C-alpha atoms as a PDB file:
ATOM      1  CA  MET A   1      -6.873  -1.629  13.748  1.00  0.00           C
ATOM      2  CA  LYS A   2      -3.463  -2.302  15.277  1.00  0.00           C
ATOM      3  CA  TYR A   3      -2.529  -4.751  12.533  1.00  0.00           C
ATOM      4  CA  ARG A   4      -3.750  -2.409   9.800  1.00  0.00           C
ATOM      5  CA  ARG A   5      -1.501   0.354  11.140  1.00  0.00           C
ATOM      6  CA  ILE A   6       1.472  -1.994  11.457  1.00  0.00           C
ATOM      7  CA  VAL A   7       1.043  -3.366   7.942  1.00  0.00           C
ATOM      8  CA  PHE A   8       0.480   0.045   6.422  1.00  0.00           C
ATOM      9  CA  GLY A   9       3.445   1.466   8.327  1.00  0.00           C
ATOM     10  CA  LEU A  10       5.591  -1.299   6.882  1.00  0.00           C
ATOM     11  CA  PHE A  11       4.109  -0.629   3.459  1.00  0.00           C
ATOM     12  CA  LEU A  12       5.119   3.006   3.638  1.00  0.00           C
ATOM     13  CA  GLY A  13       8.516   2.137   5.070  1.00  0.00           C
ATOM     14  CA  LEU A  14       9.295   0.125   1.974  1.00  0.00           C
ATOM     15  CA  PHE A  15       8.808   3.189  -0.166  1.00  0.00           C
ATOM     16  CA  LEU A  16      11.355   5.180   1.787  1.00  0.00           C
ATOM     17  CA  LEU A  17      14.442   3.193   0.909  1.00  0.00           C
ATOM     18  CA  MET A  18      17.137   5.171  -0.874  1.00  0.00           C
ATOM     19  CA  SER A  19      19.837   2.812  -2.067  1.00  0.00           C
ATOM     20  CA  THR A  20      19.893  -0.377  -4.088  1.00  0.00           C
ATOM     21  CA  SER A  21      22.363  -2.822  -5.565  1.00  0.00           C
ATOM     22  CA  SER A  22      23.662  -1.884  -8.984  1.00  0.00           C
ATOM     23  CA  LEU A  23      23.227  -5.513 -10.036  1.00  0.00           C
ATOM     24  CA  LEU A  24      19.419  -5.448  -9.841  1.00  0.00           C
ATOM     25  CA  TRP A  25      17.602  -6.072 -13.069  1.00  0.00           C
ATOM     26  CA  ALA A  26      13.892  -6.058 -13.625  1.00  0.00           C
ATOM     27  CA  GLY A  27      11.247  -5.589 -16.257  1.00  0.00           C
ATOM     28  CA  GLU A  28       8.533  -2.975 -16.192  1.00  0.00           C
ATOM     29  CA  PRO A  29       6.828  -4.144 -12.923  1.00  0.00           C
ATOM     30  CA  GLY A  30      10.182  -4.412 -11.113  1.00  0.00           C
ATOM     31  CA  ASP A  31      11.254  -1.014 -12.423  1.00  0.00           C
ATOM     32  CA  LEU A  32       8.046   0.502 -11.055  1.00  0.00           C
ATOM     33  CA  ILE A  33       8.727  -0.933  -7.586  1.00  0.00           C
ATOM     34  CA  LYS A  34      12.380   0.152  -7.633  1.00  0.00           C
ATOM     35  CA  GLY A  35      11.366   3.647  -8.725  1.00  0.00           C
ATOM     36  CA  ILE A  36       8.975   3.989  -5.814  1.00  0.00           C
ATOM     37  CA  ILE A  37      11.360   2.545  -3.256  1.00  0.00           C
ATOM     38  CA  LEU A  38      14.262   4.715  -4.350  1.00  0.00           C
ATOM     39  CA  LYS A  39      12.368   7.991  -3.924  1.00  0.00           C
ATOM     40  CA  ASP A  40      14.294  10.034  -1.384  1.00  0.00           C
ATOM     41  CA  ILE A  41      11.455  11.485   0.657  1.00  0.00           C
ATOM     42  CA  SER A  42      12.368  11.640   4.329  1.00  0.00           C
ATOM     43  CA  LEU A  43       9.708  11.500   7.019  1.00  0.00           C
ATOM     44  CA  GLU A  44      12.072  12.673   9.732  1.00  0.00           C
ATOM     45  CA  GLU A  45      10.632  15.375  11.989  1.00  0.00           C
ATOM     46  CA  GLY A  46      11.556  18.908  10.990  1.00  0.00           C
ATOM     47  CA  GLU A  47      10.671  21.763   8.727  1.00  0.00           C
ATOM     48  CA  GLY A  48       8.431  20.875   5.813  1.00  0.00           C
ATOM     49  CA  LEU A  49       7.285  17.506   7.203  1.00  0.00           C
ATOM     50  CA  ASP A  50       3.679  18.027   6.085  1.00  0.00           C
ATOM     51  CA  GLU A  51       4.825  18.939   2.558  1.00  0.00           C
ATOM     52  CA  ARG A  52       7.075  15.863   2.450  1.00  0.00           C
ATOM     53  CA  LYS A  53       4.159  13.680   3.541  1.00  0.00           C
ATOM     54  CA  GLN A  54       2.032  15.170   0.757  1.00  0.00           C
ATOM     55  CA  GLU A  55       4.831  14.524  -1.740  1.00  0.00           C
ATOM     56  CA  LEU A  56       5.137  10.934  -0.525  1.00  0.00           C
ATOM     57  CA  TRP A  57       1.397  10.448  -0.914  1.00  0.00           C
ATOM     58  CA  ARG A  58       1.487  11.820  -4.483  1.00  0.00           C
ATOM     59  CA  GLU A  59       4.311   9.416  -5.372  1.00  0.00           C
ATOM     60  CA  ILE A  60       2.703   6.366  -3.777  1.00  0.00           C
ATOM     61  CA  SER A  61      -0.884   6.992  -4.870  1.00  0.00           C
ATOM     62  CA  GLN A  62       0.050   7.139  -8.567  1.00  0.00           C
ATOM     63  CA  SER A  63       1.274   3.555  -8.338  1.00  0.00           C
ATOM     64  CA  LEU A  64      -1.706   2.056  -6.495  1.00  0.00           C
ATOM     65  CA  ASP A  65      -4.833   0.701  -8.162  1.00  0.00           C
ATOM     66  CA  PHE A  66      -7.283   1.798  -5.477  1.00  0.00           C
ATOM     67  CA  ALA A  67     -10.351   0.443  -7.280  1.00  0.00           C
ATOM     68  CA  GLU A  68      -8.764  -3.014  -7.475  1.00  0.00           C
ATOM     69  CA  ILE A  69      -7.572  -2.856  -3.857  1.00  0.00           C
ATOM     70  CA  ALA A  70     -11.033  -1.780  -2.632  1.00  0.00           C
ATOM     71  CA  LYS A  71     -12.682  -4.558  -4.647  1.00  0.00           C
ATOM     72  CA  ARG A  72     -10.363  -7.158  -3.131  1.00  0.00           C
ATOM     73  CA  VAL A  73     -10.746  -5.689   0.362  1.00  0.00           C
ATOM     74  CA  MET A  74     -14.555  -5.962   0.110  1.00  0.00           C
ATOM     75  CA  GLY A  75     -14.274  -9.504  -1.292  1.00  0.00           C
ATOM     76  CA  LYS A  76     -17.630 -11.287  -1.392  1.00  0.00           C
ATOM     77  CA  TYR A  77     -19.462  -8.092  -0.362  1.00  0.00           C
ATOM     78  CA  TRP A  78     -18.318  -6.211  -3.485  1.00  0.00           C
ATOM     79  CA  LYS A  79     -20.881  -7.885  -5.779  1.00  0.00           C
ATOM     80  CA  GLU A  80     -23.726  -6.751  -3.513  1.00  0.00           C
ATOM     81  CA  ARG A  81     -22.841  -3.087  -3.911  1.00  0.00           C
ATOM     82  CA  SER A  82     -24.355  -0.785  -6.517  1.00  0.00           C
ATOM     83  CA  PRO A  83     -22.036   1.154  -8.857  1.00  0.00           C
ATOM     84  CA  GLN A  84     -22.587   4.285  -6.733  1.00  0.00           C
ATOM     85  CA  GLU A  85     -21.803   2.397  -3.515  1.00  0.00           C
ATOM     86  CA  LYS A  86     -18.646   0.969  -5.067  1.00  0.00           C
ATOM     87  CA  GLU A  87     -17.501   4.418  -6.125  1.00  0.00           C
ATOM     88  CA  GLU A  88     -18.232   5.817  -2.656  1.00  0.00           C
ATOM     89  CA  PHE A  89     -16.397   2.955  -0.946  1.00  0.00           C
ATOM     90  CA  VAL A  90     -13.320   3.415  -3.139  1.00  0.00           C
ATOM     91  CA  GLU A  91     -13.232   7.112  -2.251  1.00  0.00           C
ATOM     92  CA  LEU A  92     -13.628   6.404   1.482  1.00  0.00           C
ATOM     93  CA  PHE A  93     -10.987   3.696   1.316  1.00  0.00           C
ATOM     94  CA  VAL A  94      -8.514   5.984  -0.471  1.00  0.00           C
ATOM     95  CA  ASN A  95      -9.060   8.672   2.167  1.00  0.00           C
ATOM     96  CA  ASN A  96      -8.557   6.104   4.933  1.00  0.00           C
ATOM     97  CA  VAL A  97      -5.257   4.939   3.411  1.00  0.00           C
ATOM     98  CA  LYS A  98      -4.156   8.534   2.837  1.00  0.00           C
ATOM     99  CA  SER A  99      -4.845   9.364   6.492  1.00  0.00           C
ATOM    100  CA  ALA A 100      -2.672   6.440   7.575  1.00  0.00           C
ATOM    101  CA  CYS A 101       0.047   7.683   5.223  1.00  0.00           C
ATOM    102  CA  MET A 102      -0.165  11.217   6.602  1.00  0.00           C
ATOM    103  CA  ARG A 103       0.263   9.959  10.182  1.00  0.00           C
ATOM    104  CA  ARG A 104       3.544   8.202   9.300  1.00  0.00           C
ATOM    105  CA  THR A 105       6.752   9.785  10.607  1.00  0.00           C
ATOM    106  CA  GLY A 106      10.195   8.556  11.508  1.00  0.00           C
ATOM    107  CA  PRO A 107      13.344   7.199   9.921  1.00  0.00           C
ATOM    108  CA  ARG A 108      13.664   5.139   6.757  1.00  0.00           C
ATOM    109  CA  PHE A 109      12.834   1.489   7.225  1.00  0.00           C
ATOM    110  CA  GLY A 110      15.789  -0.121   5.518  1.00  0.00           C
ATOM    111  CA  GLU A 111      19.150   0.556   4.004  1.00  0.00           C
ATOM    112  CA  GLU A 112      19.251  -1.395   0.751  1.00  0.00           C
ATOM    113  CA  ILE A 113      17.577  -3.895  -1.531  1.00  0.00           C
ATOM    114  CA  VAL A 114      19.490  -7.175  -1.426  1.00  0.00           C
ATOM    115  CA  SER A 115      17.613  -8.795  -4.302  1.00  0.00           C
ATOM    116  CA  LEU A 116      14.658  -8.281  -6.565  1.00  0.00           C
ATOM    117  CA  SER A 117      12.895 -10.815  -8.773  1.00  0.00           C
ATOM    118  CA  GLU A 118       9.694 -10.737 -10.719  1.00  0.00           C
ATOM    119  CA  LYS A 119       7.211 -13.000 -12.434  1.00  0.00           C
ATOM    120  CA  ALA A 120       4.783 -11.506 -14.895  1.00  0.00           C
ATOM    121  CA  ASN A 121       2.285 -12.425 -17.551  1.00  0.00           C
ATOM    122  CA  LYS A 122       0.175 -10.119 -19.701  1.00  0.00           C
ATOM    123  CA  ARG A 123      -2.069  -8.969 -16.852  1.00  0.00           C
ATOM    124  CA  TYR A 124      -0.534  -9.811 -13.453  1.00  0.00           C
ATOM    125  CA  ALA A 125       2.918  -9.534 -11.913  1.00  0.00           C
ATOM    126  CA  ARG A 126       4.614 -10.365  -8.641  1.00  0.00           C
ATOM    127  CA  VAL A 127       7.756  -8.521  -7.592  1.00  0.00           C
ATOM    128  CA  HIS A 128       9.663 -10.084  -4.713  1.00  0.00           C
ATOM    129  CA  ILE A 129      12.264  -8.016  -2.886  1.00  0.00           C
ATOM    130  CA  VAL A 130      14.611  -8.794  -0.043  1.00  0.00           C
ATOM    131  CA  LEU A 131      15.557  -5.764   2.024  1.00  0.00           C
ATOM    132  CA  LEU A 132      18.388  -5.211   4.464  1.00  0.00           C
ATOM    133  CA  LYS A 133      17.219  -3.403   7.588  1.00  0.00           C
ATOM    134  CA  ARG A 134      19.430  -1.149   9.671  1.00  0.00           C
ATOM    135  CA  THR A 135      19.806  -3.986  12.156  1.00  0.00           C
ATOM    136  CA  VAL A 136      21.441  -6.041   9.363  1.00  0.00           C
ATOM    137  CA  GLU A 137      18.359  -8.257   9.332  1.00  0.00           C
ATOM    138  CA  GLU A 138      16.924  -9.279   5.974  1.00  0.00           C
ATOM    139  CA  VAL A 139      13.188  -8.974   5.402  1.00  0.00           C
ATOM    140  CA  SER A 140      11.122  -9.804   2.336  1.00  0.00           C
ATOM    141  CA  ALA A 141       8.131  -8.286   0.608  1.00  0.00           C
ATOM    142  CA  ASP A 142       5.996  -9.256  -2.362  1.00  0.00           C
ATOM    143  CA  PHE A 143       4.272  -6.601  -4.433  1.00  0.00           C
ATOM    144  CA  ARG A 144       1.304  -7.770  -6.495  1.00  0.00           C
ATOM    145  CA  LEU A 145       0.575  -5.734  -9.609  1.00  0.00           C
ATOM    146  CA  ILE A 146      -2.118  -5.626 -12.246  1.00  0.00           C
ATOM    147  CA  LYS A 147      -1.921  -4.140 -15.735  1.00  0.00           C
ATOM    148  CA  GLU A 148      -4.864  -1.967 -16.739  1.00  0.00           C
ATOM    149  CA  ASP A 149      -4.899   0.106 -19.925  1.00  0.00           C
ATOM    150  CA  GLY A 150      -1.208  -0.635 -20.488  1.00  0.00           C
ATOM    151  CA  LYS A 151      -0.154   0.582 -17.027  1.00  0.00           C
ATOM    152  CA  TRP A 152       1.167  -1.515 -14.128  1.00  0.00           C
ATOM    153  CA  GLN A 153      -0.211  -0.661 -10.693  1.00  0.00           C
ATOM    154  CA  ILE A 154       0.092  -2.218  -7.235  1.00  0.00           C
ATOM    155  CA  TYR A 155      -2.961  -3.945  -5.767  1.00  0.00           C
ATOM    156  CA  ASP A 156      -1.395  -5.692  -2.767  1.00  0.00           C
ATOM    157  CA  LEU A 157       1.717  -5.898  -0.641  1.00  0.00           C
ATOM    158  CA  ILE A 158       2.668  -8.981   1.343  1.00  0.00           C
ATOM    159  CA  TYR A 159       5.269  -8.032   3.923  1.00  0.00           C
ATOM    160  CA  GLN A 160       6.826 -10.857   5.945  1.00  0.00           C
ATOM    161  CA  GLY A 161       3.804 -13.012   5.096  1.00  0.00           C
ATOM    162  CA  VAL A 162       1.156 -10.395   5.996  1.00  0.00           C
ATOM    163  CA  SER A 163      -1.043  -9.148   3.153  1.00  0.00           C
ATOM    164  CA  LEU A 164      -2.277  -5.566   3.194  1.00  0.00           C
ATOM    165  CA  VAL A 165      -5.479  -6.588   1.357  1.00  0.00           C
ATOM    166  CA  HIS A 166      -6.199  -9.578   3.611  1.00  0.00           C
ATOM    167  CA  ASN A 167      -5.605  -7.452   6.689  1.00  0.00           C
ATOM    168  CA  TYR A 168      -8.121  -4.806   5.621  1.00  0.00           C
ATOM    169  CA  ARG A 169     -10.528  -7.499   4.389  1.00  0.00           C
ATOM    170  CA  SER A 170     -10.555  -9.307   7.733  1.00  0.00           C
ATOM    171  CA  GLN A 171     -11.366  -6.031   9.494  1.00  0.00           C
ATOM    172  CA  ILE A 172     -14.232  -5.291   7.100  1.00  0.00           C
ATOM    173  CA  TYR A 173     -15.601  -8.842   7.300  1.00  0.00           C
ATOM    174  CA  ASN A 174     -15.521  -8.689  11.103  1.00  0.00           C
ATOM    175  CA  PHE A 175     -17.351  -5.360  11.021  1.00  0.00           C
ATOM    176  CA  LEU A 176     -19.981  -6.575   8.527  1.00  0.00           C
ATOM    177  CA  LEU A 177     -20.677  -9.715  10.562  1.00  0.00           C
ATOM    178  CA  LYS A 178     -22.023  -7.456  13.311  1.00  0.00           C
ATOM    179  CA  SER A 179     -23.201  -4.383  11.395  1.00  0.00           C
ATOM    180  CA  SER A 180     -24.592  -3.287   8.041  1.00  0.00           C
ATOM    181  CA  TYR A 181     -22.758  -1.898   5.039  1.00  0.00           C
ATOM    182  CA  GLU A 182     -24.396   1.477   5.721  1.00  0.00           C
ATOM    183  CA  GLU A 183     -22.906   1.461   9.227  1.00  0.00           C
ATOM    184  CA  LEU A 184     -19.488   0.635   7.737  1.00  0.00           C
ATOM    185  CA  VAL A 185     -19.775   3.667   5.463  1.00  0.00           C
ATOM    186  CA  GLN A 186     -20.776   5.846   8.407  1.00  0.00           C
ATOM    187  CA  GLU A 187     -17.818   4.547  10.424  1.00  0.00           C
ATOM    188  CA  LEU A 188     -15.399   5.328   7.585  1.00  0.00           C
ATOM    189  CA  LYS A 189     -16.891   8.811   7.214  1.00  0.00           C
ATOM    190  CA  LYS A 190     -16.611   9.385  10.953  1.00  0.00           C
ATOM    191  CA  ARG A 191     -12.920   8.399  10.893  1.00  0.00           C
ATOM    192  CA  GLN A 192     -12.368  10.702   7.935  1.00  0.00           C
ATOM    193  CA  SER A 193     -13.958  13.658   9.696  1.00  0.00           C
ATOM    194  CA  LYS A 194     -11.760  13.057  12.775  1.00  0.00           C
ATOM    195  CA  GLU A 195      -8.640  13.202  10.593  1.00  0.00           C
END
């Protein structure tokens, strides 16, 4: 749980950057990432924080392929699920991620993008960015994207070597080693009702 919160917090922090180098160039996947990162939605405490969190969620969620993320998070267990179970899991997963997003507060994570590069083919893309933190420390992140129906969407983020998908997957695998899929669903529903 701790790692999931850390990784997701970092994920959200990346989207809160406001400035970038004027020398950056990118194709469609890179432009999508820059557009998300450059959104000026502050999560500083104050009036309208809940509305700003909702706005941030709307901006981020449009760019995420939740079905693809959920499929990758479930890994080998995905094939065992019925179409109805898959649909239910995606919905529960989205709500879980949204809850983590809604809990996020605080200052922006970084000050500027130092560099951005991308590799893409017809279906998949990787956008690598180097960010300058407030402490003048550089950090890197890789966004993994997939193109479905002519639209690029994010299906993973690797921040400083830690993958969002792998992090969630390891938690689910650990849970399913000890419990059933039905118990996993109940646990996710219980978390959702607490939120």
